[in-house]
Amino acid sequence: MPPRVIVTRPAREAAQWVHGLASHGIAAVALPLIAIGPCTAPEAIHALEAARARSGSYRALMFVSGNAVTYFFGSKQAVALVESSPIAIKTRAWAPGPGTAWALAEAGVPAALIDGPAPDAPQFDSEALWQQVGAQLEPGDRVLIVRGHSGGVHDTQQGTGRDWLARQIESAGAHVDFVVAYQRGAPTFDAQQTALAQQAAHDGSLWLLSSSEAVAHLAEALPGQSWADARALVTHPRIAQAARAAGFGRVDECRPSLEDVVASIESTA
């Protein structure tokens, strides 16, 4: 029998994954390790509104996650942005993975405008995305990267995230702008969530970890907790490194699609 899975994605995505795993007969429970919310600082709100207004002037809008899509477009603003100007029809929407592509489609972005990694890509990340979209750019083009803000010591008003893709865009002679569409933060566990996490550290549960930031939040939420008996399933080598550094006794890797995650979970039963 497959182990119980602890799904640590943000709440909206975690609920989708719990449902998806349940449809394959796998018991799962959501324990979000990243809290997501809208921007609240006036300057961030103003910058986001300005970015929306000029979105049609970009060669592409790159969204780092489904949450970036949700908070950038708000309530079905994608349709209005695409239809507001002939220029906007030429603007591509870049997604690093299928979850982001799905969010773009839900927001009303036409499928013909969405670019992402090939379905059989080993990973869904910036490197895989660049292989698909790099040839689109010409010198002088502009790309807007939409991402989140964590409020950490290394954070800026332009948000938090890897700048690898921005460097590739600039090396192609294009210009990169950043805008913050949402805020990320550490969750506040209640007593029930704390007990769940403590139990899952040693009862054979499988932690499904999808970001290094989530691993850091878990360690902060339970200081001093031993993870030597805990098992983790991660969706990227960088997350595997973070999980091992946090002390997880067993860390396995797989592609981030639901089918691959299910196959990996079933192989551990």
C-alpha atoms as a PDB file:
ATOM      1  CA  MET A   1       0.000   0.000   0.000  1.00  0.00           C
ATOM      2  CA  PRO A   2       1.401   3.453  -0.902  1.00  0.00           C
ATOM      3  CA  PRO A   3       2.468   5.646   2.008  1.00  0.00           C
ATOM      4  CA  ARG A   4       0.474   8.670   3.067  1.00  0.00           C
ATOM      5  CA  VAL A   5       1.699  11.736   1.182  1.00  0.00           C
ATOM      6  CA  ILE A   6       2.217  15.160   2.748  1.00  0.00           C
ATOM      7  CA  VAL A   7       1.606  17.736  -0.001  1.00  0.00           C
ATOM      8  CA  THR A   8       3.491  20.932   0.791  1.00  0.00           C
ATOM      9  CA  ARG A   9       2.600  23.220  -2.129  1.00  0.00           C
ATOM     10  CA  PRO A  10       0.699  26.478  -1.497  1.00  0.00           C
ATOM     11  CA  ALA A  11      -2.899  25.885  -0.428  1.00  0.00           C
ATOM     12  CA  ARG A  12      -4.653  26.204  -3.810  1.00  0.00           C
ATOM     13  CA  GLU A  13      -2.164  23.965  -5.596  1.00  0.00           C
ATOM     14  CA  ALA A  14      -1.969  21.549  -2.653  1.00  0.00           C
ATOM     15  CA  ALA A  15      -5.719  20.959  -2.818  1.00  0.00           C
ATOM     16  CA  GLN A  16      -5.440  20.111  -6.522  1.00  0.00           C
ATOM     17  CA  TRP A  17      -2.614  17.661  -5.837  1.00  0.00           C
ATOM     18  CA  VAL A  18      -4.444  15.986  -2.953  1.00  0.00           C
ATOM     19  CA  HIS A  19      -7.411  15.462  -5.271  1.00  0.00           C
ATOM     20  CA  GLY A  20      -5.196  14.181  -8.087  1.00  0.00           C
ATOM     21  CA  LEU A  21      -3.394  11.697  -5.850  1.00  0.00           C
ATOM     22  CA  ALA A  22      -6.684  10.511  -4.354  1.00  0.00           C
ATOM     23  CA  SER A  23      -7.942   9.756  -7.868  1.00  0.00           C
ATOM     24  CA  HIS A  24      -5.069   7.254  -8.101  1.00  0.00           C
ATOM     25  CA  GLY A  25      -5.885   5.664  -4.751  1.00  0.00           C
ATOM     26  CA  ILE A  26      -3.151   7.467  -2.837  1.00  0.00           C
ATOM     27  CA  ALA A  27      -3.984   8.979   0.555  1.00  0.00           C
ATOM     28  CA  ALA A  28      -2.697  12.534   0.792  1.00  0.00           C
ATOM     29  CA  VAL A  29      -3.061  15.496   3.115  1.00  0.00           C
ATOM     30  CA  ALA A  30      -2.227  19.146   2.463  1.00  0.00           C
ATOM     31  CA  LEU A  31       0.293  20.909   4.681  1.00  0.00           C
ATOM     32  CA  PRO A  32       1.215  24.089   2.786  1.00  0.00           C
ATOM     33  CA  LEU A  33       4.743  25.250   3.506  1.00  0.00           C
ATOM     34  CA  ILE A  34       4.420  28.507   1.558  1.00  0.00           C
ATOM     35  CA  ALA A  35       1.704  31.077   2.257  1.00  0.00           C
ATOM     36  CA  ILE A  36       0.587  33.074  -0.790  1.00  0.00           C
ATOM     37  CA  GLY A  37      -1.209  36.408  -0.878  1.00  0.00           C
ATOM     38  CA  PRO A  38      -1.625  39.592  -2.924  1.00  0.00           C
ATOM     39  CA  CYS A  39       0.843  42.460  -2.844  1.00  0.00           C
ATOM     40  CA  THR A  40      -0.056  44.983  -0.162  1.00  0.00           C
ATOM     41  CA  ALA A  41       2.665  47.652  -0.412  1.00  0.00           C
ATOM     42  CA  PRO A  42       1.365  50.690  -2.359  1.00  0.00           C
ATOM     43  CA  GLU A  43       4.491  50.879  -4.525  1.00  0.00           C
ATOM     44  CA  ALA A  44       4.181  47.199  -5.468  1.00  0.00           C
ATOM     45  CA  ILE A  45       0.508  47.610  -6.354  1.00  0.00           C
ATOM     46  CA  HIS A  46       1.326  50.646  -8.518  1.00  0.00           C
ATOM     47  CA  ALA A  47       4.148  48.796 -10.292  1.00  0.00           C
ATOM     48  CA  LEU A  48       1.863  45.835 -10.984  1.00  0.00           C
ATOM     49  CA  GLU A  49      -0.862  48.064 -12.420  1.00  0.00           C
ATOM     50  CA  ALA A  50       1.700  49.803 -14.634  1.00  0.00           C
ATOM     51  CA  ALA A  51       3.044  46.449 -15.870  1.00  0.00           C
ATOM     52  CA  ARG A  52      -0.455  45.294 -16.749  1.00  0.00           C
ATOM     53  CA  ALA A  53      -1.066  48.497 -18.708  1.00  0.00           C
ATOM     54  CA  ARG A  54       2.052  48.049 -20.856  1.00  0.00           C
ATOM     55  CA  SER A  55       1.891  44.249 -21.165  1.00  0.00           C
ATOM     56  CA  GLY A  56       1.183  44.409 -24.890  1.00  0.00           C
ATOM     57  CA  SER A  57       4.510  46.113 -25.542  1.00  0.00           C
ATOM     58  CA  TYR A  58       6.524  43.048 -24.554  1.00  0.00           C
ATOM     59  CA  ARG A  59       7.690  40.236 -26.792  1.00  0.00           C
ATOM     60  CA  ALA A  60       6.806  37.863 -23.951  1.00  0.00           C
ATOM     61  CA  LEU A  61       5.477  37.727 -20.416  1.00  0.00           C
ATOM     62  CA  MET A  62       7.207  35.026 -18.378  1.00  0.00           C
ATOM     63  CA  PHE A  63       5.301  33.721 -15.343  1.00  0.00           C
ATOM     64  CA  VAL A  64       7.324  31.839 -12.747  1.00  0.00           C
ATOM     65  CA  SER A  65       4.301  29.933 -11.391  1.00  0.00           C
ATOM     66  CA  GLY A  66       0.557  29.545 -11.473  1.00  0.00           C
ATOM     67  CA  ASN A  67       0.337  32.029  -8.604  1.00  0.00           C
ATOM     68  CA  ALA A  68       2.173  34.611 -10.720  1.00  0.00           C
ATOM     69  CA  VAL A  69      -0.537  34.157 -13.350  1.00  0.00           C
ATOM     70  CA  THR A  70      -3.399  34.369 -10.863  1.00  0.00           C
ATOM     71  CA  TYR A  71      -2.240  37.552  -9.193  1.00  0.00           C
ATOM     72  CA  PHE A  72      -1.035  39.262 -12.368  1.00  0.00           C
ATOM     73  CA  PHE A  73      -4.269  38.823 -14.287  1.00  0.00           C
ATOM     74  CA  GLY A  74      -6.700  38.950 -11.406  1.00  0.00           C
ATOM     75  CA  SER A  75     -10.258  38.244 -12.543  1.00  0.00           C
ATOM     76  CA  LYS A  76     -10.115  37.326 -16.237  1.00  0.00           C
ATOM     77  CA  GLN A  77      -7.970  40.333 -17.141  1.00  0.00           C
ATOM     78  CA  ALA A  78      -6.027  38.235 -19.632  1.00  0.00           C
ATOM     79  CA  VAL A  79      -8.808  38.401 -22.185  1.00  0.00           C
ATOM     80  CA  ALA A  80      -9.017  42.155 -21.887  1.00  0.00           C
ATOM     81  CA  LEU A  81      -5.253  42.542 -22.205  1.00  0.00           C
ATOM     82  CA  VAL A  82      -5.059  40.361 -25.295  1.00  0.00           C
ATOM     83  CA  GLU A  83      -7.982  42.087 -26.980  1.00  0.00           C
ATOM     84  CA  SER A  84      -7.090  45.651 -25.994  1.00  0.00           C
ATOM     85  CA  SER A  85      -4.375  46.162 -28.598  1.00  0.00           C
ATOM     86  CA  PRO A  86      -3.209  44.555 -31.846  1.00  0.00           C
ATOM     87  CA  ILE A  87       0.287  44.580 -30.371  1.00  0.00           C
ATOM     88  CA  ALA A  88      -0.839  42.363 -27.511  1.00  0.00           C
ATOM     89  CA  ILE A  89      -1.695  39.552 -29.902  1.00  0.00           C
ATOM     90  CA  LYS A  90       2.035  39.257 -30.645  1.00  0.00           C
ATOM     91  CA  THR A  91       2.937  38.923 -26.977  1.00  0.00           C
ATOM     92  CA  ARG A  92       3.813  35.374 -25.938  1.00  0.00           C
ATOM     93  CA  ALA A  93       3.099  33.905 -22.498  1.00  0.00           C
ATOM     94  CA  TRP A  94       5.967  31.777 -21.183  1.00  0.00           C
ATOM     95  CA  ALA A  95       5.346  29.031 -18.611  1.00  0.00           C
ATOM     96  CA  PRO A  96       8.105  26.927 -16.994  1.00  0.00           C
ATOM     97  CA  GLY A  97       5.751  23.984 -16.428  1.00  0.00           C
ATOM     98  CA  PRO A  98       2.304  22.553 -17.109  1.00  0.00           C
ATOM     99  CA  GLY A  99       0.789  23.974 -13.917  1.00  0.00           C
ATOM    100  CA  THR A 100       1.615  27.504 -15.010  1.00  0.00           C
ATOM    101  CA  ALA A 101       0.398  26.782 -18.537  1.00  0.00           C
ATOM    102  CA  TRP A 102      -2.892  25.507 -17.093  1.00  0.00           C
ATOM    103  CA  ALA A 103      -3.265  28.687 -15.025  1.00  0.00           C
ATOM    104  CA  LEU A 104      -2.701  30.803 -18.140  1.00  0.00           C
ATOM    105  CA  ALA A 105      -5.402  28.899 -20.000  1.00  0.00           C
ATOM    106  CA  GLU A 106      -7.755  29.322 -17.029  1.00  0.00           C
ATOM    107  CA  ALA A 107      -7.067  33.064 -17.063  1.00  0.00           C
ATOM    108  CA  GLY A 108      -8.159  33.245 -20.688  1.00  0.00           C
ATOM    109  CA  VAL A 109      -4.836  33.314 -22.534  1.00  0.00           C
ATOM    110  CA  PRO A 110      -5.261  31.565 -25.908  1.00  0.00           C
ATOM    111  CA  ALA A 111      -3.380  28.262 -26.130  1.00  0.00           C
ATOM    112  CA  ALA A 112      -1.667  29.457 -29.317  1.00  0.00           C
ATOM    113  CA  LEU A 113       0.124  32.158 -27.312  1.00  0.00           C
ATOM    114  CA  ILE A 114       1.432  29.907 -24.519  1.00  0.00           C
ATOM    115  CA  ASP A 115       4.967  28.471 -24.674  1.00  0.00           C
ATOM    116  CA  GLY A 116       6.522  25.979 -22.273  1.00  0.00           C
ATOM    117  CA  PRO A 117       8.889  23.024 -22.016  1.00  0.00           C
ATOM    118  CA  ALA A 118       8.194  19.970 -24.117  1.00  0.00           C
ATOM    119  CA  PRO A 119       5.864  17.493 -22.394  1.00  0.00           C
ATOM    120  CA  ASP A 120       8.691  14.936 -22.177  1.00  0.00           C
ATOM    121  CA  ALA A 121      11.277  17.391 -20.819  1.00  0.00           C
ATOM    122  CA  PRO A 122      13.351  15.877 -17.973  1.00  0.00           C
ATOM    123  CA  GLN A 123      12.524  18.917 -15.848  1.00  0.00           C
ATOM    124  CA  PHE A 124      10.054  21.756 -15.896  1.00  0.00           C
ATOM    125  CA  ASP A 125      12.204  24.789 -15.146  1.00  0.00           C
ATOM    126  CA  SER A 126      13.821  27.855 -16.676  1.00  0.00           C
ATOM    127  CA  GLU A 127      16.425  25.815 -18.512  1.00  0.00           C
ATOM    128  CA  ALA A 128      13.804  23.641 -20.209  1.00  0.00           C
ATOM    129  CA  LEU A 129      11.696  26.710 -21.027  1.00  0.00           C
ATOM    130  CA  TRP A 130      14.627  28.518 -22.605  1.00  0.00           C
ATOM    131  CA  GLN A 131      15.206  25.643 -25.007  1.00  0.00           C
ATOM    132  CA  GLN A 132      11.709  26.284 -26.376  1.00  0.00           C
ATOM    133  CA  VAL A 133      11.585  30.081 -26.440  1.00  0.00           C
ATOM    134  CA  GLY A 134      15.130  31.324 -26.913  1.00  0.00           C
ATOM    135  CA  ALA A 135      14.792  31.491 -30.698  1.00  0.00           C
ATOM    136  CA  GLN A 136      11.821  33.871 -30.423  1.00  0.00           C
ATOM    137  CA  LEU A 137      13.902  36.798 -29.255  1.00  0.00           C
ATOM    138  CA  GLU A 138      15.554  39.454 -31.360  1.00  0.00           C
ATOM    139  CA  PRO A 139      17.898  42.223 -30.195  1.00  0.00           C
ATOM    140  CA  GLY A 140      15.879  45.044 -28.698  1.00  0.00           C
ATOM    141  CA  ASP A 141      12.960  42.871 -27.590  1.00  0.00           C
ATOM    142  CA  ARG A 142      11.604  43.261 -24.061  1.00  0.00           C
ATOM    143  CA  VAL A 143      10.483  40.474 -21.716  1.00  0.00           C
ATOM    144  CA  LEU A 144       8.553  40.911 -18.479  1.00  0.00           C
ATOM    145  CA  ILE A 145       9.203  38.335 -15.743  1.00  0.00           C
ATOM    146  CA  VAL A 146       6.295  38.081 -13.312  1.00  0.00           C
ATOM    147  CA  ARG A 147       7.230  36.629  -9.926  1.00  0.00           C
ATOM    148  CA  GLY A 148       6.714  36.821  -6.184  1.00  0.00           C
ATOM    149  CA  HIS A 149       8.202  38.620  -3.213  1.00  0.00           C
ATOM    150  CA  SER A 150       9.405  36.764  -0.133  1.00  0.00           C
ATOM    151  CA  GLY A 151      10.488  39.657   2.034  1.00  0.00           C
ATOM    152  CA  GLY A 152      13.789  38.018   2.924  1.00  0.00           C
ATOM    153  CA  VAL A 153      17.115  39.721   3.455  1.00  0.00           C
ATOM    154  CA  HIS A 154      18.114  39.053  -0.161  1.00  0.00           C
ATOM    155  CA  ASP A 155      14.792  40.173  -1.590  1.00  0.00           C
ATOM    156  CA  THR A 156      14.280  43.358  -3.589  1.00  0.00           C
ATOM    157  CA  GLN A 157      11.330  45.318  -4.931  1.00  0.00           C
ATOM    158  CA  GLN A 158      11.804  43.324  -8.142  1.00  0.00           C
ATOM    159  CA  GLY A 159      10.968  40.108  -6.310  1.00  0.00           C
ATOM    160  CA  THR A 160      12.768  36.915  -5.443  1.00  0.00           C
ATOM    161  CA  GLY A 161      13.942  34.134  -7.698  1.00  0.00           C
ATOM    162  CA  ARG A 162      16.710  32.726  -9.830  1.00  0.00           C
ATOM    163  CA  ASP A 163      18.028  35.153 -12.426  1.00  0.00           C
ATOM    164  CA  TRP A 164      19.348  32.472 -14.796  1.00  0.00           C
ATOM    165  CA  LEU A 165      16.626  33.054 -17.383  1.00  0.00           C
ATOM    166  CA  ALA A 166      17.069  36.825 -17.233  1.00  0.00           C
ATOM    167  CA  ARG A 167      20.753  36.397 -18.025  1.00  0.00           C
ATOM    168  CA  GLN A 168      19.941  34.241 -21.066  1.00  0.00           C
ATOM    169  CA  ILE A 169      17.433  36.827 -22.298  1.00  0.00           C
ATOM    170  CA  GLU A 170      19.974  39.613 -21.923  1.00  0.00           C
ATOM    171  CA  SER A 171      22.669  37.558 -23.663  1.00  0.00           C
ATOM    172  CA  ALA A 172      20.299  37.392 -26.654  1.00  0.00           C
ATOM    173  CA  GLY A 173      20.283  41.190 -26.790  1.00  0.00           C
ATOM    174  CA  ALA A 174      16.845  41.610 -25.221  1.00  0.00           C
ATOM    175  CA  HIS A 175      15.882  43.614 -22.148  1.00  0.00           C
ATOM    176  CA  VAL A 176      14.299  42.191 -18.985  1.00  0.00           C
ATOM    177  CA  ASP A 177      11.853  43.876 -16.640  1.00  0.00           C
ATOM    178  CA  PHE A 178      10.570  42.339 -13.404  1.00  0.00           C
ATOM    179  CA  VAL A 179       7.294  42.862 -11.596  1.00  0.00           C
ATOM    180  CA  VAL A 180       6.046  41.423  -8.307  1.00  0.00           C
ATOM    181  CA  ALA A 181       2.512  40.016  -8.562  1.00  0.00           C
ATOM    182  CA  TYR A 182       2.167  38.292  -5.175  1.00  0.00           C
ATOM    183  CA  GLN A 183       3.778  37.773  -1.805  1.00  0.00           C
ATOM    184  CA  ARG A 184       5.209  34.528  -0.453  1.00  0.00           C
ATOM    185  CA  GLY A 185       5.833  33.836   3.182  1.00  0.00           C
ATOM    186  CA  ALA A 186       6.274  31.163   5.798  1.00  0.00           C
ATOM    187  CA  PRO A 187       3.082  29.503   7.036  1.00  0.00           C
ATOM    188  CA  THR A 188       1.850  29.763  10.607  1.00  0.00           C
ATOM    189  CA  PHE A 189       1.084  26.261  11.845  1.00  0.00           C
ATOM    190  CA  ASP A 190      -1.809  25.709  14.200  1.00  0.00           C
ATOM    191  CA  ALA A 191      -1.656  22.950  16.824  1.00  0.00           C
ATOM    192  CA  GLN A 192      -3.140  20.356  14.474  1.00  0.00           C
ATOM    193  CA  GLN A 193      -0.692  21.149  11.675  1.00  0.00           C
ATOM    194  CA  THR A 194       2.243  21.083  14.075  1.00  0.00           C
ATOM    195  CA  ALA A 195       1.185  17.663  15.348  1.00  0.00           C
ATOM    196  CA  LEU A 196       0.786  16.411  11.778  1.00  0.00           C
ATOM    197  CA  ALA A 197       4.265  17.560  10.814  1.00  0.00           C
ATOM    198  CA  GLN A 198       5.849  16.072  13.917  1.00  0.00           C
ATOM    199  CA  GLN A 199       4.133  12.736  13.334  1.00  0.00           C
ATOM    200  CA  ALA A 200       5.000  12.683   9.640  1.00  0.00           C
ATOM    201  CA  ALA A 201       8.663  13.127  10.536  1.00  0.00           C
ATOM    202  CA  HIS A 202       8.853   9.517  11.674  1.00  0.00           C
ATOM    203  CA  ASP A 203       5.683   7.566  10.791  1.00  0.00           C
ATOM    204  CA  GLY A 204       6.615   6.578   7.235  1.00  0.00           C
ATOM    205  CA  SER A 205       4.724   9.400   5.495  1.00  0.00           C
ATOM    206  CA  LEU A 206       6.195  10.664   2.245  1.00  0.00           C
ATOM    207  CA  TRP A 207       6.839  14.398   2.036  1.00  0.00           C
ATOM    208  CA  LEU A 208       6.189  15.763  -1.465  1.00  0.00           C
ATOM    209  CA  LEU A 209       8.491  18.793  -1.648  1.00  0.00           C
ATOM    210  CA  SER A 210       8.310  21.149  -4.611  1.00  0.00           C
ATOM    211  CA  SER A 211      10.583  24.054  -3.620  1.00  0.00           C
ATOM    212  CA  SER A 212      13.714  24.713  -1.607  1.00  0.00           C
ATOM    213  CA  GLU A 213      11.923  27.604   0.090  1.00  0.00           C
ATOM    214  CA  ALA A 214       9.311  25.168   1.421  1.00  0.00           C
ATOM    215  CA  VAL A 215      12.055  23.006   2.937  1.00  0.00           C
ATOM    216  CA  ALA A 216      13.491  26.053   4.707  1.00  0.00           C
ATOM    217  CA  HIS A 217      10.064  26.999   6.064  1.00  0.00           C
ATOM    218  CA  LEU A 218       9.562  23.490   7.436  1.00  0.00           C
ATOM    219  CA  ALA A 219      12.859  23.651   9.308  1.00  0.00           C
ATOM    220  CA  GLU A 220      11.910  27.065  10.710  1.00  0.00           C
ATOM    221  CA  ALA A 221       8.464  25.864  11.793  1.00  0.00           C
ATOM    222  CA  LEU A 222       9.866  22.906  13.734  1.00  0.00           C
ATOM    223  CA  PRO A 223      13.279  23.927  15.078  1.00  0.00           C
ATOM    224  CA  GLY A 224      15.205  21.026  16.501  1.00  0.00           C
ATOM    225  CA  GLN A 225      13.026  18.415  14.817  1.00  0.00           C
ATOM    226  CA  SER A 226      14.976  15.395  13.563  1.00  0.00           C
ATOM    227  CA  TRP A 227      14.210  14.382   9.977  1.00  0.00           C
ATOM    228  CA  ALA A 228      16.511  11.372   9.980  1.00  0.00           C
ATOM    229  CA  ASP A 229      13.543   8.970   9.764  1.00  0.00           C
ATOM    230  CA  ALA A 230      11.618  11.071   7.252  1.00  0.00           C
ATOM    231  CA  ARG A 231      11.233  10.362   3.535  1.00  0.00           C
ATOM    232  CA  ALA A 232      10.959  13.011   0.834  1.00  0.00           C
ATOM    233  CA  LEU A 233      10.005  12.923  -2.817  1.00  0.00           C
ATOM    234  CA  VAL A 234      11.288  15.986  -4.654  1.00  0.00           C
ATOM    235  CA  THR A 235      10.784  17.331  -8.153  1.00  0.00           C
ATOM    236  CA  HIS A 236      14.159  18.968  -8.842  1.00  0.00           C
ATOM    237  CA  PRO A 237      17.828  18.335  -7.946  1.00  0.00           C
ATOM    238  CA  ARG A 238      18.050  21.697  -6.134  1.00  0.00           C
ATOM    239  CA  ILE A 239      15.173  20.671  -3.859  1.00  0.00           C
ATOM    240  CA  ALA A 240      16.861  17.322  -3.239  1.00  0.00           C
ATOM    241  CA  GLN A 241      19.966  19.149  -2.094  1.00  0.00           C
ATOM    242  CA  ALA A 242      17.905  21.296   0.292  1.00  0.00           C
ATOM    243  CA  ALA A 243      16.066  18.267   1.712  1.00  0.00           C
ATOM    244  CA  ARG A 244      19.294  16.392   2.358  1.00  0.00           C
ATOM    245  CA  ALA A 245      20.797  19.490   3.981  1.00  0.00           C
ATOM    246  CA  ALA A 246      17.727  19.688   6.248  1.00  0.00           C
ATOM    247  CA  GLY A 247      18.429  16.124   7.396  1.00  0.00           C
ATOM    248  CA  PHE A 248      15.852  14.010   5.542  1.00  0.00           C
ATOM    249  CA  GLY A 249      16.962  10.407   5.831  1.00  0.00           C
ATOM    250  CA  ARG A 250      15.759   9.384   2.377  1.00  0.00           C
ATOM    251  CA  VAL A 251      15.309  11.646  -0.618  1.00  0.00           C
ATOM    252  CA  ASP A 252      14.058  10.425  -3.996  1.00  0.00           C
ATOM    253  CA  GLU A 253      13.672  12.479  -7.159  1.00  0.00           C
ATOM    254  CA  CYS A 254      11.149  12.358  -9.996  1.00  0.00           C
ATOM    255  CA  ARG A 255       9.717  14.549 -12.735  1.00  0.00           C
ATOM    256  CA  PRO A 256       7.058  16.992 -11.468  1.00  0.00           C
ATOM    257  CA  SER A 257       4.124  15.644 -13.463  1.00  0.00           C
ATOM    258  CA  LEU A 258       1.302  13.914 -11.572  1.00  0.00           C
ATOM    259  CA  GLU A 259       1.854  10.687 -13.511  1.00  0.00           C
ATOM    260  CA  ASP A 260       5.540  10.548 -12.583  1.00  0.00           C
ATOM    261  CA  VAL A 261       4.865  11.413  -8.961  1.00  0.00           C
ATOM    262  CA  VAL A 262       2.229   8.679  -8.733  1.00  0.00           C
ATOM    263  CA  ALA A 263       4.567   6.135 -10.322  1.00  0.00           C
ATOM    264  CA  SER A 264       7.342   7.055  -7.886  1.00  0.00           C
ATOM    265  CA  ILE A 265       5.017   6.825  -4.881  1.00  0.00           C
ATOM    266  CA  GLU A 266       3.669   3.453  -5.970  1.00  0.00           C
ATOM    267  CA  SER A 267       7.210   2.139  -6.422  1.00  0.00           C
ATOM    268  CA  THR A 268       7.903   2.821  -2.739  1.00  0.00           C
ATOM    269  CA  ALA A 269       4.849   0.877  -1.520  1.00  0.00           C
END
